[in-house]
Protein backbone atom coordinates (compact mmCIF):
# COMPACT_ATOMS: atom_id res chain seq x y z
CA MET A 1 96.06 150.31 89.33
CA LYS A 2 97.19 146.69 89.99
CA LYS A 3 96.38 145.79 92.85
CA PRO A 4 97.41 142.22 94.86
CA ARG A 5 94.91 139.01 94.52
CA ILE A 6 94.05 138.59 98.04
CA LEU A 7 91.71 135.81 99.27
CA PHE A 8 89.85 135.32 102.31
CA LEU A 9 89.77 131.82 103.10
CA ASP A 10 87.87 129.06 105.51
CA ILE A 11 88.33 125.74 106.01
CA GLU A 12 86.62 123.36 108.19
CA THR A 13 88.28 119.58 109.13
CA SER A 14 87.21 116.21 109.76
CA PRO A 15 88.66 115.53 113.64
CA VAL A 16 90.87 112.52 114.33
CA LEU A 17 89.24 109.08 114.98
CA GLY A 18 90.93 107.14 118.10
CA TYR A 19 90.63 104.20 120.74
CA VAL A 20 91.04 105.75 124.16
CA TRP A 21 90.63 104.60 127.41
CA SER A 22 88.99 107.77 129.29
CA LEU A 23 87.74 110.90 129.01
CA TRP A 24 90.20 112.87 130.92
CA LYS A 25 94.19 113.64 129.62
CA GLN A 26 95.18 111.17 127.27
CA ASN A 27 97.90 110.59 125.18
CA VAL A 28 96.36 108.74 122.26
CA GLY A 29 99.57 106.91 120.52
CA LEU A 30 99.78 106.85 117.03
CA ASN A 31 98.74 102.71 116.69
CA GLN A 32 95.48 104.16 118.68
CA ILE A 33 94.15 106.40 115.62
CA LYS A 34 91.34 104.70 113.23
CA GLU A 35 90.84 107.26 110.99
CA GLU A 36 92.83 110.36 109.98
CA TRP A 37 91.76 114.06 109.28
CA CYS A 38 90.83 115.17 106.17
CA ILE A 39 89.12 119.12 105.28
CA LEU A 40 85.60 118.56 104.76
CA SER A 41 84.83 122.02 103.13
CA TYR A 42 86.27 125.11 102.08
CA CYS A 43 84.52 128.47 101.63
CA ALA A 44 86.47 131.70 100.11
CA LYS A 45 86.15 135.03 98.32
CA TRP A 46 88.51 136.92 96.31
CA MET A 47 88.15 140.90 97.87
CA GLY A 48 86.45 142.66 95.14
CA ASP A 49 84.51 140.14 94.20
CA PRO A 50 81.21 139.49 94.98
CA ARG A 51 81.16 135.46 94.72
CA VAL A 52 81.13 133.50 97.66
CA ILE A 53 83.00 129.97 96.45
CA TYR A 54 82.24 126.85 98.58
CA HIS A 55 83.28 123.03 97.47
CA ASP A 56 82.81 120.21 100.13
CA ASN A 57 82.56 116.23 100.10
CA SER A 58 79.12 116.02 100.57
CA ARG A 59 78.39 114.42 97.25
CA GLN A 60 80.79 111.92 97.66
CA ARG A 61 80.06 108.38 98.59
CA ASN A 62 84.27 108.72 100.83
CA LYS A 63 83.09 111.66 103.05
CA GLU A 64 86.76 111.75 103.94
CA ASP A 65 88.12 111.15 100.49
CA ASP A 66 89.22 115.43 100.13
CA THR A 67 91.31 114.48 96.72
CA ARG A 68 88.77 116.61 94.95
CA ILE A 69 88.66 119.71 96.76
CA ILE A 70 91.88 119.64 97.68
CA LYS A 71 93.03 120.18 93.99
CA ARG A 72 90.59 123.01 93.52
CA LEU A 73 92.23 124.47 96.72
CA TRP A 74 95.70 124.54 95.47
CA ARG A 75 94.85 125.96 91.80
CA MET A 76 93.05 129.34 94.34
CA LEU A 77 96.32 129.26 96.72
CA ASP A 78 98.73 129.47 93.21
CA GLN A 79 96.72 132.66 92.21
CA ALA A 80 96.87 134.62 95.84
CA ASP A 81 99.37 136.80 96.47
CA ILE A 82 98.14 137.59 99.91
CA VAL A 83 95.45 135.23 101.98
CA VAL A 84 93.45 136.25 104.80
CA ALA A 85 92.00 133.65 107.54
CA HIS A 86 91.38 134.11 111.25
CA ASN A 87 94.24 131.71 112.94
CA GLY A 88 95.18 131.00 109.38
CA LYS A 89 99.20 131.23 110.15
CA SER A 90 99.06 127.99 112.87
CA PHE A 91 95.31 126.17 111.57
CA ASP A 92 94.11 126.73 107.45
CA VAL A 93 97.34 127.38 106.01
CA ARG A 94 99.24 124.45 108.01
CA LYS A 95 96.18 122.32 107.44
CA ILE A 96 95.74 122.40 103.98
CA GLN A 97 100.02 122.64 103.31
CA ALA A 98 99.91 119.16 105.09
CA ARG A 99 97.43 117.69 102.77
CA PHE A 100 98.81 118.81 99.57
CA LEU A 101 102.57 117.43 101.06
CA LEU A 102 100.80 113.96 101.78
CA LEU A 103 98.82 113.75 98.00
CA GLY A 104 102.38 114.22 96.38
CA MET A 105 101.36 118.00 95.32
CA PRO A 106 104.02 120.75 94.73
CA PRO A 107 103.62 124.16 96.61
CA PRO A 108 101.58 126.39 95.01
CA ALA A 109 103.54 130.31 94.39
CA PRO A 110 104.54 132.10 97.27
CA PHE A 111 101.61 134.22 99.21
CA LYS A 112 101.92 136.24 102.24
CA ILE A 113 99.52 135.40 105.01
CA VAL A 114 97.61 138.10 107.15
CA ASP A 115 96.66 136.61 110.25
CA THR A 116 93.40 138.04 111.87
CA LEU A 117 93.75 136.31 114.93
CA LEU A 118 97.10 137.72 115.69
CA GLU A 119 96.32 140.87 114.75
CA THR A 120 93.96 141.29 117.09
CA ARG A 121 96.17 139.83 119.75
CA LYS A 122 99.10 142.26 118.60
CA HIS A 123 96.69 145.07 119.18
CA PHE A 124 94.53 145.20 120.92
CA ALA A 125 93.30 143.71 124.40
CA MET A 126 90.15 142.39 123.89
CA THR A 127 88.04 140.39 125.98
CA SER A 128 88.23 137.14 123.37
CA ALA A 129 90.05 137.18 120.07
CA LYS A 130 87.56 134.43 118.46
CA LEU A 131 85.81 135.31 115.55
CA GLU A 132 82.48 134.89 117.09
CA PHE A 133 83.45 137.88 119.65
CA LEU A 134 84.85 139.82 117.27
CA THR A 135 82.18 140.08 114.40
CA ASP A 136 79.83 140.09 117.06
CA LYS A 137 81.27 143.41 118.59
CA LEU A 138 82.66 144.68 115.25
CA CYS A 139 80.86 143.72 112.35
CA VAL A 140 77.64 145.66 110.94
CA ILE A 141 76.73 143.38 108.09
CA HIS A 142 77.96 140.22 108.62
CA LYS A 143 78.31 138.16 112.00
CA LYS A 144 80.15 134.35 112.94
CA LYS A 145 77.34 132.25 112.93
CA LYS A 146 76.10 129.85 115.82
CA HIS A 147 75.24 126.49 115.17
CA ALA A 148 71.37 125.95 114.92
CA LYS A 149 70.09 122.19 114.56
CA PHE A 150 73.51 120.77 115.08
CA PRO A 151 75.16 122.04 118.38
CA GLY A 152 79.27 121.47 118.29
CA PHE A 153 80.39 118.34 117.56
CA GLU A 154 77.07 116.99 116.09
CA LEU A 155 77.18 118.93 113.20
CA TRP A 156 80.76 116.98 112.30
CA ARG A 157 79.45 113.68 113.13
CA GLU A 158 76.31 114.52 111.17
CA CYS A 159 78.38 115.52 108.08
CA LEU A 160 80.45 112.09 108.07
CA LYS A 161 77.28 110.12 108.55
CA GLY A 162 76.18 111.89 105.21
CA ASN A 163 72.93 114.31 106.67
CA PRO A 164 72.01 116.61 104.21
CA GLU A 165 70.54 118.88 106.60
CA ALA A 166 74.07 119.12 108.96
CA TRP A 167 75.83 119.90 105.35
CA ALA A 168 73.76 122.48 104.76
CA GLU A 169 74.17 124.17 107.57
CA MET A 170 77.89 123.66 107.03
CA LYS A 171 77.78 125.39 104.27
CA GLU A 172 75.84 128.18 106.12
CA TYR A 173 78.59 128.25 108.51
CA ASN A 174 81.32 128.26 106.32
CA VAL A 175 79.79 130.66 104.43
CA GLU A 176 79.19 133.27 106.71
CA ASP A 177 82.60 132.76 108.68
CA VAL A 178 84.26 133.79 105.22
CA LEU A 179 81.71 136.81 104.86
CA SER A 180 82.01 137.79 108.40
CA LEU A 181 85.79 137.64 107.95
CA GLU A 182 86.03 140.27 105.04
CA GLU A 183 84.07 142.39 107.06
CA LEU A 184 86.32 142.38 110.09
CA TYR A 185 89.56 142.61 107.86
CA LEU A 186 88.68 145.60 106.87
CA ILE A 187 88.14 146.88 109.88
CA LEU A 188 91.40 146.09 111.23
CA LEU A 189 93.19 146.83 108.41
CA PRO A 190 94.14 150.63 109.11
CA TRP A 191 95.36 149.11 112.59
CA MET A 192 98.02 146.51 111.29
CA GLN A 193 101.71 146.98 111.19
CA GLY A 194 103.67 145.17 108.73
CA HIS A 195 100.82 144.79 106.63
CA PRO A 196 102.07 143.27 102.81
CA ASN A 197 102.36 146.78 101.08
CA VAL A 198 99.22 147.12 98.27
CA GLY A 199 100.73 149.79 96.90
CA ASN A 200 104.26 147.40 95.81
CA TYR A 201 101.88 145.20 93.34
CA ASP A 202 101.42 148.41 91.31
CA LYS A 203 104.08 148.63 88.58
CA LYS A 204 103.47 152.03 87.42
CA ALA A 205 105.59 154.66 89.28
CA GLY A 206 105.12 158.42 89.64
CA ASP A 207 101.78 158.61 90.21
CA GLY A 208 102.09 159.73 93.23
CA PRO A 209 102.25 158.00 96.78
CA LYS A 210 99.99 154.81 97.25
CA CYS A 211 98.33 153.93 100.80
CA PRO A 212 100.81 150.28 101.65
CA HIS A 213 97.71 149.29 103.34
CA CYS A 214 95.14 149.42 100.92
CA GLY A 215 96.75 151.06 97.97
CA SER A 216 94.97 153.86 97.46
CA GLY A 217 96.64 157.18 95.87
CA ASN A 218 94.12 159.20 98.24
CA VAL A 219 96.58 160.27 100.90
CA GLN A 220 97.23 163.41 102.88
CA ARG A 221 100.78 164.37 103.76
CA LYS A 222 100.30 165.28 107.93
CA GLY A 223 103.21 166.12 109.99
CA LEU A 224 106.57 164.12 110.52
CA ARG A 225 107.67 160.73 112.07
CA PHE A 226 110.66 160.80 113.86
CA THR A 227 113.13 157.97 114.22
CA GLN A 228 116.46 158.37 116.20
CA VAL A 229 118.12 159.85 113.26
CA GLY A 230 115.60 160.57 110.66
CA GLN A 231 112.75 162.39 109.98
CA TYR A 232 109.94 161.30 107.47
CA PRO A 233 106.87 162.59 105.69
CA ARG A 234 104.08 161.37 107.47
CA TYR A 235 100.72 160.57 105.36
CA HIS A 236 96.90 159.55 106.13
CA CYS A 237 95.25 157.51 104.25
CA GLN A 238 91.70 159.06 103.70
CA ALA A 239 90.22 155.71 102.16
CA CYS A 240 91.04 152.98 104.94
CA GLY A 241 92.06 155.43 107.75
CA ALA A 242 95.80 153.75 107.90
CA TRP A 243 98.72 155.77 108.80
CA SER A 244 102.14 155.57 107.00
CA ARG A 245 105.19 157.25 106.10
CA GLY A 246 108.03 157.97 103.53
CA ARG A 247 110.58 156.27 102.63
CA LEU A 248 113.30 159.45 102.19
CA THR A 249 114.92 161.15 105.09
CA VAL A 250 113.70 164.71 104.98
CA ASN A 251 116.33 166.74 107.40
CA SER A 252 119.65 167.57 105.98
CA LYS A 253 122.81 166.13 105.92
CA ALA A 254 123.95 168.92 108.16
CA HIS A 255 120.80 168.20 111.03
CA LYS A 256 121.76 164.58 110.65
CA ALA A 257 125.96 165.35 111.21
CA ASN A 258 124.71 166.96 114.18
CA LEU A 259 122.74 164.02 116.02
CA LEU A 260 124.09 162.66 118.62
CA VAL A 261 122.39 158.85 119.25
CA SER A 262 122.80 157.04 123.09
């Protein structure tokens, strides 16, 4: 079966450097900005491929020139069918596309976004929807790392200074984010509603129903799902655990004709 190319992605950006008059409640004007933000590094991984892809600006003289890694990101996104990221819709994808635009690049081929932050908030009342909290509570193999030698903002400042130890920690931090993101995604997958239909990427027909979440053909028909006027066969995936329904109703025309709705 042909499956979509699913890309797990996480980026790290530099801060905007500006002039401010105080530490509290500042509105920074455009003429107060000294240095714009850039993408310092990114980590990515294709689903089903054990290799982890990581690139950063550490070997460049100008640590804030992200042209090289932006071109790599464009080529990767141009191949993706689905991009998975935590806060990806609001942050990662929009930041990446902003750099594409500023560098005069065309948009990559369209792709779907699965945002694990939004999916968590949609389905669960967790104490926190942060990646650190979720991976600590749910993941077994990989958990988001905390900063070690360079806590908080110190890591970004030392990277911009060219500190090789800071860049090594940034890589470890970035890579573990993606590995824990993949594990979290697979845990959340059966709960997601409206996930891109993985079974639809297979061009072959007549092979039987496939799970729309993971694409597995190992689905069991179990009961019916009822709408206001329709009855649909219900399926349970034995691979990922997700529930789905068929597209065609099973109730008769006579049954439908006698249904009343309010």
